[in-house]
């Protein structure tokens, strides 16, 4: 893919950028440039370009605004101590977007072109990648694909746009890796059999927001969803996968099917296995969760995702009850988390071959 580059004539000043990188928050500030490439049946993917970051101009009849034909990815670029910049498993993000594209009837962007787009933008905007320091800062990269057809008929779009934007990021949870409280929703489900639960599409996240709102009203940090058929088996949070550590060393995570195959999730399976844990991918009921935590059979619970990395779970609440409160992250949770971030920031040998150098 040939990429043209038009550099911004006006960009964030160095003093202002230093202020932003000192306290970036999450998804608040955006880099000076963006990547765009378009697709039509006649020309395929074409007009790949990096341009100054700015608003999009969309016709009111643009298909994505009406039928939500949209997918996205989330990944990070990390600056190592020597100043080099690395991406974590971009090939996995590229392959997952292929899967999402097929589920949403969108054209496939080849993984090599996906990676080239990400690397081109990060290279141009490399000054936005924070020093890691003690706060685990990074550059969050958001590739996304939308239907840009100007047409109100219900059919797969014949004009599609793929873009990449980036935003410096601090910890997703400002209080750090401290245990969070989860709310169990029994009214809302996130996905069903044959649905879009395994695709990374905005509709899945939109459907989680009312339940997340309910969780906040109940004094919880996040919501956890059960399966859509029996309302019995644990699936995932609004944006994170789940893990359960048993007292005998086993680790269980809900099996794939109607949940997203998280890049962090799959990485933890390998890290935990290398640490000597038996990892099971299977259905786990909410009763097994509640009873296991209460009896001590389940010693730790944690959630994981690109943005939040690994986050311990303190307790589960539901209408009329809650599990015992956990005040600190467990040893296994912290060990897995440390092993993962040490690889990402270049503090440990990447024996898995996950890191890809960009700059």
Protein backbone atom coordinates (compact mmCIF):
# COMPACT_ATOMS: atom_id res chain seq x y z
CA UNK A 1 0.00 0.00 0.00
CA UNK A 2 1.45 3.34 -1.08
CA UNK A 3 0.84 6.04 1.52
CA UNK A 4 1.09 9.75 0.80
CA UNK A 5 1.86 12.11 3.66
CA UNK A 6 0.75 15.70 4.14
CA UNK A 7 2.24 17.07 7.34
CA UNK A 8 0.33 19.47 9.53
CA UNK A 9 1.42 23.10 9.25
CA UNK A 10 -0.03 23.76 12.68
CA UNK A 11 0.49 21.28 15.47
CA UNK A 12 0.46 21.10 19.23
CA UNK A 13 3.42 23.05 20.60
CA UNK A 14 6.18 21.26 22.51
CA UNK A 15 5.30 22.94 25.86
CA UNK A 16 1.63 22.05 25.47
CA UNK A 17 2.48 18.51 24.43
CA UNK A 18 4.64 18.12 27.53
CA UNK A 19 1.64 19.13 29.66
CA UNK A 20 -0.59 16.61 27.88
CA UNK A 21 1.90 13.75 28.21
CA UNK A 22 2.38 14.52 31.89
CA UNK A 23 -1.30 13.76 32.51
CA UNK A 24 -2.82 12.31 29.31
CA UNK A 25 -5.95 10.72 30.78
CA UNK A 26 -7.56 8.28 28.37
CA UNK A 27 -9.03 9.13 24.95
CA UNK A 28 -9.00 12.87 25.61
CA UNK A 29 -6.18 14.27 23.46
CA UNK A 30 -5.33 13.28 19.89
CA UNK A 31 -2.17 13.43 17.81
CA UNK A 32 -1.47 15.86 14.98
CA UNK A 33 -2.27 13.47 12.12
CA UNK A 34 -4.61 10.68 11.01
CA UNK A 35 -4.50 7.91 8.43
CA UNK A 36 -7.23 7.35 5.82
CA UNK A 37 -7.78 4.88 2.98
CA UNK A 38 -10.99 4.27 1.01
CA UNK A 39 -12.59 1.27 -0.67
CA UNK A 40 -15.02 0.79 -3.53
CA UNK A 41 -15.87 -2.40 -5.46
CA UNK A 42 -14.32 -0.91 -8.60
CA UNK A 43 -11.02 0.38 -7.18
CA UNK A 44 -10.53 -1.70 -4.04
CA UNK A 45 -8.51 0.03 -1.34
CA UNK A 46 -7.05 3.27 -2.67
CA UNK A 47 -5.95 6.81 -1.81
CA UNK A 48 -4.05 5.84 1.32
CA UNK A 49 -2.89 8.99 3.04
CA UNK A 50 -1.73 10.63 6.24
CA UNK A 51 -3.17 14.10 6.71
CA UNK A 52 -3.54 16.60 9.54
CA UNK A 53 -6.00 15.45 12.20
CA UNK A 54 -9.38 17.07 11.72
CA UNK A 55 -13.15 16.65 11.49
CA UNK A 56 -14.85 14.42 8.93
CA UNK A 57 -17.47 15.71 6.52
CA UNK A 58 -20.31 13.19 6.19
CA UNK A 59 -23.56 13.40 4.28
CA UNK A 60 -26.65 13.00 6.50
CA UNK A 61 -27.46 9.84 4.51
CA UNK A 62 -24.08 8.20 5.20
CA UNK A 63 -24.81 4.52 5.84
CA UNK A 64 -22.88 4.14 9.10
CA UNK A 65 -25.10 6.75 10.74
CA UNK A 66 -28.19 4.67 10.05
CA UNK A 67 -27.17 1.00 10.05
CA UNK A 68 -24.06 0.95 12.27
CA UNK A 69 -21.89 -0.90 9.76
CA UNK A 70 -18.69 -0.22 11.69
CA UNK A 71 -15.78 -2.04 13.32
CA UNK A 72 -12.70 -0.94 15.22
CA UNK A 73 -9.58 -2.09 17.01
CA UNK A 74 -7.68 -0.92 20.08
CA UNK A 75 -3.94 -1.30 20.53
CA UNK A 76 -0.99 0.50 22.07
CA UNK A 77 2.48 1.71 21.13
CA UNK A 78 5.09 1.72 23.90
CA UNK A 79 8.29 3.71 24.28
CA UNK A 80 11.17 1.72 25.71
CA UNK A 81 14.02 3.10 27.80
CA UNK A 82 16.29 3.48 24.76
CA UNK A 83 13.71 5.71 23.02
CA UNK A 84 12.54 3.04 20.57
CA UNK A 85 8.80 2.56 19.98
CA UNK A 86 7.11 -0.83 19.81
CA UNK A 87 3.65 -2.22 19.08
CA UNK A 88 2.22 -5.17 20.99
CA UNK A 89 0.93 -7.99 18.79
CA UNK A 90 -0.36 -5.81 15.92
CA UNK A 91 -0.72 -8.91 13.76
CA UNK A 92 -3.38 -10.21 16.17
CA UNK A 93 -5.32 -6.94 15.93
CA UNK A 94 -5.09 -7.07 12.15
CA UNK A 95 -6.41 -10.64 12.03
CA UNK A 96 -9.23 -9.82 14.42
CA UNK A 97 -10.28 -6.94 12.18
CA UNK A 98 -10.45 -9.40 9.29
CA UNK A 99 -12.86 -11.49 11.36
CA UNK A 100 -14.92 -8.44 12.32
CA UNK A 101 -15.01 -7.28 8.69
CA UNK A 102 -16.49 -10.55 7.53
CA UNK A 103 -19.14 -10.53 10.28
CA UNK A 104 -20.20 -6.95 9.44
CA UNK A 105 -20.10 -7.48 5.63
CA UNK A 106 -17.23 -5.01 5.23
CA UNK A 107 -14.28 -5.40 2.84
CA UNK A 108 -11.17 -7.06 4.25
CA UNK A 109 -8.11 -4.91 4.73
CA UNK A 110 -5.11 -7.21 4.46
CA UNK A 111 -3.16 -7.52 7.73
CA UNK A 112 0.02 -6.22 6.11
CA UNK A 113 -1.80 -3.04 5.07
CA UNK A 114 -3.38 -2.68 8.51
CA UNK A 115 0.05 -2.85 10.14
CA UNK A 116 1.55 -0.48 7.56
CA UNK A 117 -1.16 2.08 8.32
CA UNK A 118 -0.57 1.87 12.07
CA UNK A 119 3.19 2.07 11.73
CA UNK A 120 3.00 5.03 9.34
CA UNK A 121 0.86 7.09 11.70
CA UNK A 122 2.88 6.23 14.81
CA UNK A 123 6.09 7.10 12.97
CA UNK A 124 4.80 10.50 11.88
CA UNK A 125 3.42 11.26 15.36
CA UNK A 126 6.16 9.55 17.38
CA UNK A 127 6.67 12.60 19.60
CA UNK A 128 3.24 11.80 21.08
CA UNK A 129 4.39 8.46 22.51
CA UNK A 130 4.97 9.15 26.23
CA UNK A 131 7.92 8.10 28.31
CA UNK A 132 6.73 5.15 30.36
CA UNK A 133 7.92 6.18 33.79
CA UNK A 134 5.94 4.83 36.71
CA UNK A 135 2.49 5.47 35.32
CA UNK A 136 2.46 2.94 32.46
CA UNK A 137 1.78 5.57 29.82
CA UNK A 138 1.49 4.66 26.14
CA UNK A 139 0.04 5.80 22.84
CA UNK A 140 -3.40 4.27 22.35
CA UNK A 141 -4.02 3.56 18.65
CA UNK A 142 -7.56 3.30 17.28
CA UNK A 143 -7.97 1.82 13.77
CA UNK A 144 -11.58 1.78 12.59
CA UNK A 145 -13.65 1.07 9.48
CA UNK A 146 -17.00 2.67 8.63
CA UNK A 147 -19.57 2.46 5.84
CA UNK A 148 -19.39 5.81 4.03
CA UNK A 149 -21.92 5.10 1.30
CA UNK A 150 -24.44 7.90 0.78
CA UNK A 151 -27.43 5.58 0.55
CA UNK A 152 -30.40 4.68 2.73
CA UNK A 153 -31.07 1.22 1.33
CA UNK A 154 -30.27 -1.70 3.61
CA UNK A 155 -27.32 -3.49 2.04
CA UNK A 156 -23.54 -3.75 2.54
CA UNK A 157 -21.88 -0.43 1.75
CA UNK A 158 -20.20 0.15 -1.59
CA UNK A 159 -18.00 2.88 -0.21
CA UNK A 160 -16.00 2.18 2.95
CA UNK A 161 -13.39 4.21 4.81
CA UNK A 162 -10.66 2.86 7.07
CA UNK A 163 -8.91 5.28 9.39
CA UNK A 164 -6.35 5.28 12.20
CA UNK A 165 -6.18 7.89 14.95
CA UNK A 166 -4.07 7.91 18.11
CA UNK A 167 -4.28 9.30 21.63
CA UNK A 168 -1.72 9.36 24.46
CA UNK A 169 -2.98 7.34 27.39
CA UNK A 170 -2.39 6.96 31.09
CA UNK A 171 -3.93 4.21 33.23
CA UNK A 172 -7.55 3.41 32.29
CA UNK A 173 -8.46 3.28 35.97
CA UNK A 174 -6.97 6.36 37.61
CA UNK A 175 -6.57 4.62 40.97
CA UNK A 176 -4.24 2.04 39.43
CA UNK A 177 -4.45 -1.77 39.72
CA UNK A 178 -6.68 -1.70 42.78
CA UNK A 179 -9.69 -4.02 43.01
CA UNK A 180 -12.84 -2.82 41.28
CA UNK A 181 -16.45 -3.65 42.13
CA UNK A 182 -18.68 -5.31 39.54
CA UNK A 183 -22.45 -5.18 39.15
CA UNK A 184 -24.22 -8.29 37.88
CA UNK A 185 -26.98 -7.36 35.46
CA UNK A 186 -29.79 -9.86 34.99
CA UNK A 187 -31.93 -7.59 32.83
CA UNK A 188 -29.54 -6.86 29.98
CA UNK A 189 -27.39 -9.14 27.84
CA UNK A 190 -24.53 -8.14 25.61
CA UNK A 191 -24.74 -10.72 22.81
CA UNK A 192 -26.56 -13.86 21.71
CA UNK A 193 -25.89 -16.94 19.65
CA UNK A 194 -25.30 -15.97 16.04
CA UNK A 195 -24.98 -12.31 16.98
CA UNK A 196 -22.05 -9.92 16.84
CA UNK A 197 -20.53 -10.64 20.26
CA UNK A 198 -17.29 -12.01 18.81
CA UNK A 199 -16.82 -9.02 16.48
CA UNK A 200 -15.31 -5.74 17.67
CA UNK A 201 -18.12 -3.46 16.59
CA UNK A 202 -19.54 -0.37 18.23
CA UNK A 203 -23.01 -1.86 18.57
CA UNK A 204 -21.77 -4.30 21.21
CA UNK A 205 -20.47 -1.44 23.29
CA UNK A 206 -23.59 0.66 22.75
CA UNK A 207 -25.71 -2.19 24.09
CA UNK A 208 -23.58 -2.30 27.25
CA UNK A 209 -23.97 1.35 28.19
CA UNK A 210 -27.38 1.22 29.86
CA UNK A 211 -26.19 -1.69 32.01
CA UNK A 212 -22.98 0.19 32.79
CA UNK A 213 -25.11 3.14 33.81
CA UNK A 214 -27.03 0.83 36.11
CA UNK A 215 -23.75 -0.38 37.62
CA UNK A 216 -22.62 3.17 38.37
CA UNK A 217 -25.95 3.92 40.02
CA UNK A 218 -25.37 0.89 42.24
CA UNK A 219 -21.96 2.22 43.28
CA UNK A 220 -19.98 -0.20 41.11
CA UNK A 221 -17.17 0.39 38.64
CA UNK A 222 -18.18 -1.98 35.85
CA UNK A 223 -20.99 -4.30 34.78
CA UNK A 224 -20.69 -8.04 34.12
CA UNK A 225 -22.94 -9.79 31.61
CA UNK A 226 -24.33 -13.32 31.57
CA UNK A 227 -25.14 -15.43 28.52
CA UNK A 228 -28.21 -14.47 26.53
CA UNK A 229 -29.90 -17.89 26.60
CA UNK A 230 -29.92 -19.07 30.20
CA UNK A 231 -28.73 -15.96 32.06
CA UNK A 232 -26.47 -18.30 33.97
CA UNK A 233 -22.97 -18.29 32.52
CA UNK A 234 -20.44 -15.46 32.87
CA UNK A 235 -19.46 -13.81 29.59
CA UNK A 236 -17.52 -10.57 29.95
CA UNK A 237 -17.66 -6.99 31.18
CA UNK A 238 -18.67 -4.05 29.01
CA UNK A 239 -15.16 -3.94 27.58
CA UNK A 240 -13.01 -6.57 29.32
CA UNK A 241 -12.58 -10.34 29.53
CA UNK A 242 -12.77 -12.25 32.83
CA UNK A 243 -10.40 -14.61 34.65
CA UNK A 244 -10.87 -16.74 37.79
CA UNK A 245 -7.93 -18.07 39.81
CA UNK A 246 -8.63 -21.20 41.89
CA UNK A 247 -6.93 -22.07 45.16
CA UNK A 248 -5.30 -25.12 43.56
CA UNK A 249 -3.59 -22.92 40.92
CA UNK A 250 -6.00 -23.52 38.06
CA UNK A 251 -7.15 -20.49 36.07
CA UNK A 252 -10.49 -20.40 34.25
CA UNK A 253 -11.67 -17.92 31.62
CA UNK A 254 -15.05 -17.99 29.81
CA UNK A 255 -14.88 -19.80 26.48
CA UNK A 256 -15.17 -18.01 23.16
CA UNK A 257 -18.28 -17.95 21.00
CA UNK A 258 -20.37 -14.94 21.89
CA UNK A 259 -17.56 -12.96 23.52
CA UNK A 260 -14.68 -11.00 22.03
CA UNK A 261 -11.39 -12.83 21.58
CA UNK A 262 -9.29 -10.27 23.44
CA UNK A 263 -5.62 -9.87 22.54
CA UNK A 264 -4.80 -9.40 26.23
CA UNK A 265 -6.96 -12.43 27.04
CA UNK A 266 -5.06 -14.71 24.69
CA UNK A 267 -1.72 -13.31 25.89
CA UNK A 268 -2.60 -14.09 29.51
CA UNK A 269 -3.43 -17.69 28.59
CA UNK A 270 0.13 -18.10 27.29
CA UNK A 271 1.78 -16.20 30.16
CA UNK A 272 -0.14 -18.13 32.81
CA UNK A 273 0.67 -21.43 31.11
CA UNK A 274 4.36 -20.56 31.08
CA UNK A 275 4.10 -19.77 34.81
CA UNK A 276 2.86 -23.30 35.40
CA UNK A 277 -0.87 -22.68 35.72
CA UNK A 278 -3.41 -24.96 34.07
CA UNK A 279 -5.67 -22.64 32.08
CA UNK A 280 -9.20 -23.77 31.22
CA UNK A 281 -11.41 -22.07 28.64
CA UNK A 282 -14.92 -23.17 29.58
CA UNK A 283 -18.30 -22.01 30.72
CA UNK A 284 -18.40 -20.80 34.30
CA UNK A 285 -21.70 -20.07 35.96
CA UNK A 286 -22.30 -17.08 38.17
CA UNK A 287 -23.20 -19.54 40.96
CA UNK A 288 -19.77 -21.16 40.66
CA UNK A 289 -18.26 -17.68 40.89
CA UNK A 290 -20.29 -16.65 43.94
CA UNK A 291 -19.93 -19.95 45.78
CA UNK A 292 -16.26 -20.29 44.91
CA UNK A 293 -15.31 -16.86 46.20
CA UNK A 294 -17.36 -17.35 49.36
CA UNK A 295 -15.82 -20.76 50.12
CA UNK A 296 -12.30 -19.77 49.15
CA UNK A 297 -12.12 -22.22 46.23
CA UNK A 298 -11.76 -19.21 43.95
CA UNK A 299 -8.93 -17.15 45.42
CA UNK A 300 -8.69 -14.32 42.88
CA UNK A 301 -10.78 -12.74 40.11
CA UNK A 302 -9.49 -10.28 37.55
CA UNK A 303 -10.49 -8.61 34.30
CA UNK A 304 -8.29 -7.74 31.35
CA UNK A 305 -8.24 -5.66 28.19
CA UNK A 306 -6.00 -3.45 26.07
CA UNK A 307 -6.98 -0.25 27.84
CA UNK A 308 -7.16 -1.54 31.40
CA UNK A 309 -4.43 -4.22 31.04
CA UNK A 310 -5.08 -6.45 34.09
CA UNK A 311 -7.49 -5.20 36.77
CA UNK A 312 -8.29 -7.12 39.98
CA UNK A 313 -11.91 -7.59 41.00
CA UNK A 314 -12.76 -6.76 44.61
CA UNK A 315 -16.35 -7.98 44.79
CA UNK A 316 -19.44 -8.84 42.76
CA UNK A 317 -22.75 -7.21 43.69
CA UNK A 318 -26.28 -8.04 42.59
CA UNK A 319 -29.77 -7.16 43.67
CA UNK A 320 -29.91 -8.45 47.23
CA UNK A 321 -26.36 -9.59 47.79
CA UNK A 322 -22.61 -9.42 47.22
CA UNK A 323 -19.52 -11.58 47.46
CA UNK A 324 -16.95 -10.98 50.22
CA UNK A 325 -14.89 -7.84 49.66
CA UNK A 326 -11.25 -8.17 48.54
CA UNK A 327 -9.12 -5.16 49.42
CA UNK A 328 -5.93 -5.98 47.50
CA UNK A 329 -4.95 -7.58 44.23
CA UNK A 330 -3.96 -11.24 44.53
CA UNK A 331 -0.45 -12.57 44.00
CA UNK A 332 -1.29 -14.43 40.80
CA UNK A 333 -3.09 -11.41 39.34
CA UNK A 334 -0.16 -9.12 40.09
CA UNK A 335 2.40 -11.61 38.78
CA UNK A 336 0.56 -12.02 35.47
CA UNK A 337 0.07 -8.29 35.16
CA UNK A 338 3.72 -7.57 35.85
CA UNK A 339 4.89 -10.18 33.37
CA UNK A 340 2.69 -8.68 30.67
CA UNK A 341 3.64 -5.02 31.15
CA UNK A 342 7.32 -5.90 31.50
CA UNK A 343 7.22 -7.41 28.02
CA UNK A 344 5.28 -4.45 26.63
CA UNK A 345 7.72 -1.89 28.01
CA UNK A 346 10.85 -3.85 27.19
CA UNK A 347 11.79 -4.65 30.78
CA UNK A 348 11.70 -8.41 30.17
CA UNK A 349 12.74 -10.65 27.30
CA UNK A 350 9.97 -11.09 24.75
CA UNK A 351 10.17 -14.87 24.57
CA UNK A 352 6.78 -15.00 22.81
CA UNK A 353 7.80 -12.78 19.89
CA UNK A 354 4.91 -10.37 20.52
CA UNK A 355 6.61 -6.98 20.20
CA UNK A 356 7.10 -5.30 16.82
CA UNK A 357 9.47 -2.36 16.52
CA UNK A 358 8.06 0.72 14.78
CA UNK A 359 10.73 3.37 15.40
